[in-house]
Amino acid sequence: MFDAKKIPNRESTREVLDRLKSQEKRPSINTSEIHYINMDPRRPIESTESQNIPEYNIEQTLRQINALEKKMKEDTSNYLNLYHDLRKLEDKFLKAVEFAKVNNIQVKDNILREISAREQIISRRSKRSV
């Protein structure tokens, strides 16, 4: 009924499994020999600048606002749409700042200066539009 022909130049399943098994037995790379890798699991991971989540959110929103303002200056054909997006981002920014103030979350000095400068810009803009 079925003629099973062996395909020439092909490993049998057993040979493949034996080859894979022998690969598992190979010694792995010793990380102590690599000087730039320090893989001590007991060592705590230290970040150069630790940030809390509200501070990170505020900083990211500030970056988005700055990028959007730059785009508004470059592309005047979409100015109204971009202005609407800018107002949304400013609202998001003000809510994040309010959350940080209400919960007494510590924010770095350089970000505090950026926050106060951006709040002044937003307050001047909102006074003009009213």
N, C-alpha and C. Protein backbone atom coordinates (compact mmCIF):
# COMPACT_ATOMS: atom_id res chain seq x y z
N MET A 1 0.81 -1.19 0.00
CA MET A 1 0.00 0.00 0.00
C MET A 1 0.87 1.26 0.00
N PHE A 2 1.60 1.47 1.06
CA PHE A 2 2.52 2.60 1.10
C PHE A 2 3.94 2.07 1.03
N ASP A 3 4.71 2.63 0.15
CA ASP A 3 6.12 2.25 0.07
C ASP A 3 6.92 3.31 0.81
N ALA A 4 7.48 2.96 1.94
CA ALA A 4 8.28 3.89 2.72
C ALA A 4 9.70 3.84 2.20
N LYS A 5 10.13 4.93 1.63
CA LYS A 5 11.49 5.01 1.12
C LYS A 5 12.29 5.91 2.04
N LYS A 6 13.47 5.51 2.34
CA LYS A 6 14.33 6.30 3.20
C LYS A 6 14.97 7.41 2.35
N ILE A 7 14.91 8.60 2.85
CA ILE A 7 15.49 9.74 2.15
C ILE A 7 16.99 9.72 2.39
N PRO A 8 17.78 9.73 1.33
CA PRO A 8 19.24 9.68 1.50
C PRO A 8 19.76 10.99 2.09
N ASN A 9 20.92 10.92 2.74
CA ASN A 9 21.61 12.08 3.32
C ASN A 9 20.78 12.80 4.38
N ARG A 10 20.04 12.06 5.12
CA ARG A 10 19.23 12.67 6.17
C ARG A 10 19.44 11.87 7.44
N GLU A 11 19.59 12.59 8.56
CA GLU A 11 19.80 11.92 9.84
C GLU A 11 18.51 11.27 10.31
N SER A 12 18.65 10.17 10.99
CA SER A 12 17.46 9.56 11.57
C SER A 12 17.07 10.34 12.82
N THR A 13 15.90 10.11 13.28
CA THR A 13 15.40 10.80 14.47
C THR A 13 16.30 10.50 15.66
N ARG A 14 16.73 9.29 15.76
CA ARG A 14 17.59 8.89 16.86
C ARG A 14 18.91 9.65 16.82
N GLU A 15 19.50 9.78 15.65
CA GLU A 15 20.76 10.52 15.51
C GLU A 15 20.58 11.99 15.88
N VAL A 16 19.48 12.58 15.46
CA VAL A 16 19.21 13.99 15.79
C VAL A 16 19.09 14.16 17.30
N LEU A 17 18.34 13.25 17.95
CA LEU A 17 18.17 13.34 19.40
C LEU A 17 19.50 13.15 20.13
N ASP A 18 20.33 12.23 19.67
CA ASP A 18 21.64 12.02 20.27
C ASP A 18 22.51 13.27 20.12
N ARG A 19 22.47 13.88 18.94
CA ARG A 19 23.26 15.09 18.70
C ARG A 19 22.80 16.22 19.61
N LEU A 20 21.50 16.41 19.75
CA LEU A 20 20.98 17.46 20.62
C LEU A 20 21.31 17.19 22.08
N LYS A 21 21.25 15.96 22.48
CA LYS A 21 21.58 15.59 23.86
C LYS A 21 23.04 15.89 24.16
N SER A 22 23.92 15.63 23.19
CA SER A 22 25.34 15.90 23.41
C SER A 22 25.61 17.40 23.50
N GLN A 23 24.80 18.21 22.83
CA GLN A 23 24.96 19.66 22.92
C GLN A 23 24.63 20.16 24.32
N GLU A 24 23.68 19.51 24.98
CA GLU A 24 23.33 19.91 26.34
C GLU A 24 24.48 19.67 27.29
N LYS A 25 25.30 18.67 27.02
CA LYS A 25 26.38 18.30 27.92
C LYS A 25 27.60 19.20 27.77
N ARG A 26 27.64 20.03 26.74
CA ARG A 26 28.77 20.92 26.55
C ARG A 26 28.86 21.90 27.70
N PRO A 27 30.07 22.25 28.10
CA PRO A 27 30.21 23.21 29.20
C PRO A 27 29.74 24.60 28.75
N SER A 28 29.06 25.26 29.63
CA SER A 28 28.60 26.60 29.30
C SER A 28 29.74 27.59 29.53
N ILE A 29 29.57 28.79 29.07
CA ILE A 29 30.59 29.83 29.22
C ILE A 29 30.66 30.22 30.69
N ASN A 30 31.84 30.31 31.20
CA ASN A 30 32.04 30.73 32.58
C ASN A 30 32.01 32.25 32.62
N THR A 31 31.04 32.82 33.31
CA THR A 31 30.88 34.27 33.31
C THR A 31 31.95 34.97 34.13
N SER A 32 32.64 34.25 34.98
CA SER A 32 33.71 34.89 35.75
C SER A 32 34.89 35.26 34.85
N GLU A 33 34.99 34.60 33.70
CA GLU A 33 36.06 34.93 32.77
C GLU A 33 35.76 36.20 31.98
N ILE A 34 34.51 36.58 31.91
CA ILE A 34 34.13 37.79 31.20
C ILE A 34 34.09 38.92 32.22
N HIS A 35 34.97 39.89 32.05
CA HIS A 35 35.17 40.91 33.07
C HIS A 35 34.05 41.94 33.13
N TYR A 36 33.38 42.20 32.04
CA TYR A 36 32.37 43.23 32.03
C TYR A 36 31.00 42.73 32.45
N ILE A 37 30.87 41.45 32.75
CA ILE A 37 29.59 40.93 33.22
C ILE A 37 29.73 40.60 34.70
N ASN A 38 28.89 41.20 35.51
CA ASN A 38 28.87 40.89 36.93
C ASN A 38 27.50 40.32 37.22
N MET A 39 27.41 39.00 37.30
CA MET A 39 26.12 38.36 37.44
C MET A 39 25.93 37.80 38.85
N ASP A 40 26.23 38.59 39.83
CA ASP A 40 26.04 38.16 41.21
C ASP A 40 24.56 38.36 41.56
N PRO A 41 23.81 37.27 41.76
CA PRO A 41 22.37 37.42 42.00
C PRO A 41 22.05 38.06 43.34
N ARG A 42 23.00 38.07 44.27
CA ARG A 42 22.74 38.68 45.58
C ARG A 42 22.91 40.18 45.55
N ARG A 43 23.57 40.69 44.51
CA ARG A 43 23.79 42.13 44.41
C ARG A 43 22.51 42.82 43.96
N PRO A 44 22.04 43.81 44.69
CA PRO A 44 20.82 44.50 44.27
C PRO A 44 21.06 45.34 43.03
N ILE A 45 20.05 45.44 42.24
CA ILE A 45 20.14 46.24 41.02
C ILE A 45 20.01 47.70 41.40
N GLU A 46 21.01 48.47 41.03
CA GLU A 46 21.01 49.89 41.36
C GLU A 46 20.85 50.69 40.07
N SER A 47 19.95 51.62 40.10
CA SER A 47 19.83 52.49 38.94
C SER A 47 20.57 53.78 39.24
N THR A 48 21.07 54.41 38.21
CA THR A 48 21.84 55.64 38.41
C THR A 48 20.94 56.77 38.90
N GLU A 49 19.73 56.82 38.38
CA GLU A 49 18.78 57.82 38.82
C GLU A 49 17.48 57.13 39.17
N SER A 50 17.17 57.09 40.45
CA SER A 50 15.92 56.45 40.83
C SER A 50 14.80 57.48 40.73
N GLN A 51 13.73 57.08 40.08
CA GLN A 51 12.58 57.95 39.90
C GLN A 51 11.35 57.23 40.40
N ASN A 52 10.44 58.01 40.97
CA ASN A 52 9.16 57.41 41.31
C ASN A 52 8.23 57.56 40.11
N ILE A 53 7.16 56.83 40.13
CA ILE A 53 6.28 56.77 38.95
C ILE A 53 5.65 58.12 38.62
N PRO A 54 5.11 58.87 39.59
CA PRO A 54 4.53 60.18 39.22
C PRO A 54 5.56 61.13 38.63
N GLU A 55 6.78 61.10 39.16
CA GLU A 55 7.83 61.96 38.61
C GLU A 55 8.15 61.57 37.17
N TYR A 56 8.21 60.28 36.91
CA TYR A 56 8.46 59.79 35.56
C TYR A 56 7.33 60.21 34.62
N ASN A 57 6.09 60.08 35.08
CA ASN A 57 4.94 60.47 34.25
C ASN A 57 4.98 61.96 33.92
N ILE A 58 5.31 62.78 34.90
CA ILE A 58 5.39 64.22 34.68
C ILE A 58 6.48 64.54 33.66
N GLU A 59 7.63 63.91 33.83
CA GLU A 59 8.75 64.17 32.91
C GLU A 59 8.41 63.73 31.49
N GLN A 60 7.76 62.58 31.34
CA GLN A 60 7.38 62.11 30.01
C GLN A 60 6.34 63.04 29.38
N THR A 61 5.40 63.51 30.16
CA THR A 61 4.39 64.43 29.63
C THR A 61 5.04 65.74 29.20
N LEU A 62 6.00 66.22 29.97
CA LEU A 62 6.73 67.43 29.58
C LEU A 62 7.46 67.23 28.25
N ARG A 63 8.07 66.08 28.08
CA ARG A 63 8.75 65.80 26.81
C ARG A 63 7.76 65.77 25.64
N GLN A 64 6.61 65.15 25.87
CA GLN A 64 5.59 65.10 24.82
C GLN A 64 5.09 66.49 24.47
N ILE A 65 4.91 67.33 25.48
CA ILE A 65 4.46 68.71 25.23
C ILE A 65 5.50 69.46 24.41
N ASN A 66 6.76 69.34 24.80
CA ASN A 66 7.83 70.04 24.06
C ASN A 66 7.91 69.55 22.61
N ALA A 67 7.77 68.25 22.41
CA ALA A 67 7.82 67.71 21.05
C ALA A 67 6.62 68.20 20.23
N LEU A 68 5.47 68.27 20.86
CA LEU A 68 4.26 68.73 20.16
C LEU A 68 4.37 70.21 19.81
N GLU A 69 4.91 71.01 20.71
CA GLU A 69 5.10 72.44 20.40
C GLU A 69 6.08 72.63 19.25
N LYS A 70 7.12 71.82 19.23
CA LYS A 70 8.07 71.89 18.12
C LYS A 70 7.40 71.52 16.80
N LYS A 71 6.57 70.48 16.84
CA LYS A 71 5.85 70.06 15.65
C LYS A 71 4.87 71.15 15.19
N MET A 72 4.25 71.85 16.14
CA MET A 72 3.32 72.93 15.80
C MET A 72 4.04 74.06 15.07
N LYS A 73 5.27 74.34 15.49
CA LYS A 73 6.03 75.41 14.85
C LYS A 73 6.47 75.02 13.44
N GLU A 74 6.74 73.73 13.24
CA GLU A 74 7.21 73.26 11.93
C GLU A 74 6.07 73.05 10.94
N ASP A 75 4.96 72.48 11.41
CA ASP A 75 3.87 72.09 10.52
C ASP A 75 2.64 72.94 10.84
N THR A 76 2.43 74.00 10.07
CA THR A 76 1.31 74.89 10.35
C THR A 76 0.01 74.41 9.71
N SER A 77 0.07 73.40 8.84
CA SER A 77 -1.16 72.92 8.20
C SER A 77 -2.05 72.17 9.19
N ASN A 78 -1.47 71.55 10.19
CA ASN A 78 -2.24 70.81 11.19
C ASN A 78 -2.29 71.54 12.52
N TYR A 79 -2.13 72.82 12.52
CA TYR A 79 -1.98 73.58 13.76
C TYR A 79 -3.16 73.38 14.72
N LEU A 80 -4.39 73.44 14.22
CA LEU A 80 -5.55 73.33 15.11
C LEU A 80 -5.65 71.94 15.74
N ASN A 81 -5.39 70.92 14.96
CA ASN A 81 -5.41 69.56 15.53
C ASN A 81 -4.31 69.39 16.57
N LEU A 82 -3.13 69.91 16.26
CA LEU A 82 -2.02 69.81 17.21
C LEU A 82 -2.29 70.64 18.46
N TYR A 83 -2.95 71.78 18.29
CA TYR A 83 -3.28 72.62 19.44
C TYR A 83 -4.25 71.88 20.37
N HIS A 84 -5.21 71.18 19.79
CA HIS A 84 -6.15 70.39 20.58
C HIS A 84 -5.40 69.29 21.36
N ASP A 85 -4.46 68.62 20.70
CA ASP A 85 -3.64 67.60 21.36
C ASP A 85 -2.79 68.22 22.47
N LEU A 86 -2.30 69.44 22.21
CA LEU A 86 -1.49 70.13 23.21
C LEU A 86 -2.32 70.42 24.46
N ARG A 87 -3.53 70.87 24.27
CA ARG A 87 -4.41 71.16 25.42
C ARG A 87 -4.69 69.89 26.23
N LYS A 88 -4.90 68.77 25.54
CA LYS A 88 -5.10 67.50 26.24
C LYS A 88 -3.87 67.13 27.07
N LEU A 89 -2.68 67.27 26.46
CA LEU A 89 -1.44 66.95 27.18
C LEU A 89 -1.24 67.88 28.37
N GLU A 90 -1.60 69.14 28.21
CA GLU A 90 -1.47 70.08 29.32
C GLU A 90 -2.40 69.71 30.46
N ASP A 91 -3.61 69.28 30.14
CA ASP A 91 -4.54 68.83 31.18
C ASP A 91 -3.97 67.60 31.90
N LYS A 92 -3.43 66.68 31.13
CA LYS A 92 -2.82 65.48 31.71
C LYS A 92 -1.65 65.87 32.62
N PHE A 93 -0.86 66.83 32.17
CA PHE A 93 0.28 67.31 32.95
C PHE A 93 -0.18 67.93 34.26
N LEU A 94 -1.20 68.80 34.19
CA LEU A 94 -1.69 69.45 35.40
C LEU A 94 -2.27 68.45 36.39
N LYS A 95 -2.94 67.43 35.89
CA LYS A 95 -3.47 66.39 36.78
C LYS A 95 -2.35 65.62 37.46
N ALA A 96 -1.29 65.30 36.71
CA ALA A 96 -0.15 64.57 37.28
C ALA A 96 0.57 65.41 38.33
N VAL A 97 0.71 66.70 38.07
CA VAL A 97 1.35 67.60 39.04
C VAL A 97 0.48 67.72 40.29
N GLU A 98 -0.81 67.85 40.10
CA GLU A 98 -1.73 67.94 41.24
C GLU A 98 -1.68 66.67 42.09
N PHE A 99 -1.62 65.52 41.43
CA PHE A 99 -1.52 64.24 42.14
C PHE A 99 -0.24 64.20 42.98
N ALA A 100 0.87 64.66 42.40
CA ALA A 100 2.15 64.65 43.13
C ALA A 100 2.10 65.60 44.31
N LYS A 101 1.45 66.76 44.16
CA LYS A 101 1.36 67.72 45.26
C LYS A 101 0.45 67.21 46.37
N VAL A 102 -0.69 66.63 46.02
CA VAL A 102 -1.64 66.15 47.02
C VAL A 102 -1.03 65.00 47.84
N ASN A 103 -0.29 64.13 47.18
CA ASN A 103 0.28 62.97 47.87
C ASN A 103 1.69 63.22 48.41
N ASN A 104 2.15 64.46 48.39
CA ASN A 104 3.46 64.85 48.91
C ASN A 104 4.59 63.99 48.35
N ILE A 105 4.59 63.83 47.05
CA ILE A 105 5.62 63.03 46.38
C ILE A 105 6.81 63.93 46.07
N GLN A 106 7.99 63.47 46.46
CA GLN A 106 9.21 64.23 46.25
C GLN A 106 9.59 64.20 44.77
N VAL A 107 9.90 65.38 44.24
CA VAL A 107 10.30 65.51 42.84
C VAL A 107 11.64 66.23 42.82
N LYS A 108 12.50 65.86 41.91
CA LYS A 108 13.84 66.48 41.82
C LYS A 108 13.73 67.96 41.50
N ASP A 109 14.77 68.70 41.89
CA ASP A 109 14.76 70.16 41.74
C ASP A 109 14.68 70.59 40.28
N ASN A 110 15.42 69.92 39.40
CA ASN A 110 15.39 70.34 38.00
C ASN A 110 14.02 70.12 37.38
N ILE A 111 13.34 69.06 37.79
CA ILE A 111 11.99 68.81 37.28
C ILE A 111 11.01 69.81 37.90
N LEU A 112 11.24 70.20 39.16
CA LEU A 112 10.38 71.22 39.78
C LEU A 112 10.47 72.54 39.03
N ARG A 113 11.68 72.90 38.59
CA ARG A 113 11.83 74.14 37.82
C ARG A 113 11.08 74.04 36.49
N GLU A 114 11.18 72.88 35.83
CA GLU A 114 10.45 72.69 34.57
C GLU A 114 8.94 72.73 34.80
N ILE A 115 8.50 72.14 35.91
CA ILE A 115 7.07 72.14 36.24
C ILE A 115 6.57 73.55 36.44
N SER A 116 7.30 74.35 37.23
CA SER A 116 6.84 75.72 37.50
C SER A 116 6.85 76.56 36.23
N ALA A 117 7.86 76.38 35.38
CA ALA A 117 7.90 77.13 34.12
C ALA A 117 6.73 76.75 33.22
N ARG A 118 6.45 75.45 33.13
CA ARG A 118 5.35 74.99 32.28
C ARG A 118 4.00 75.45 32.85
N GLU A 119 3.85 75.45 34.19
CA GLU A 119 2.60 75.92 34.79
C GLU A 119 2.36 77.40 34.49
N GLN A 120 3.44 78.19 34.50
CA GLN A 120 3.31 79.61 34.15
C GLN A 120 2.86 79.79 32.70
N ILE A 121 3.44 79.00 31.81
CA ILE A 121 3.06 79.09 30.39
C ILE A 121 1.60 78.70 30.22
N ILE A 122 1.17 77.64 30.88
CA ILE A 122 -0.22 77.17 30.76
C ILE A 122 -1.17 78.20 31.35
N SER A 123 -0.81 78.80 32.48
CA SER A 123 -1.71 79.79 33.09
C SER A 123 -1.81 81.04 32.21
N ARG A 124 -0.70 81.47 31.61
CA ARG A 124 -0.78 82.63 30.70
C ARG A 124 -1.63 82.32 29.48
N ARG A 125 -1.48 81.11 28.94
CA ARG A 125 -2.24 80.72 27.77
C ARG A 125 -3.73 80.63 28.10
N SER A 126 -4.07 80.11 29.27
CA SER A 126 -5.47 79.96 29.64
C SER A 126 -6.11 81.32 29.94
N LYS A 127 -5.32 82.29 30.45
CA LYS A 127 -5.85 83.64 30.70
C LYS A 127 -6.17 84.34 29.39
N ARG A 128 -5.33 84.11 28.37
CA ARG A 128 -5.57 84.74 27.08
C ARG A 128 -6.81 84.18 26.38
N SER A 129 -7.03 82.88 26.55
CA SER A 129 -8.14 82.26 25.83
C SER A 129 -9.48 82.50 26.51
N VAL A 130 -9.48 82.98 27.76
CA VAL A 130 -10.75 83.21 28.46
C VAL A 130 -11.31 84.56 28.16
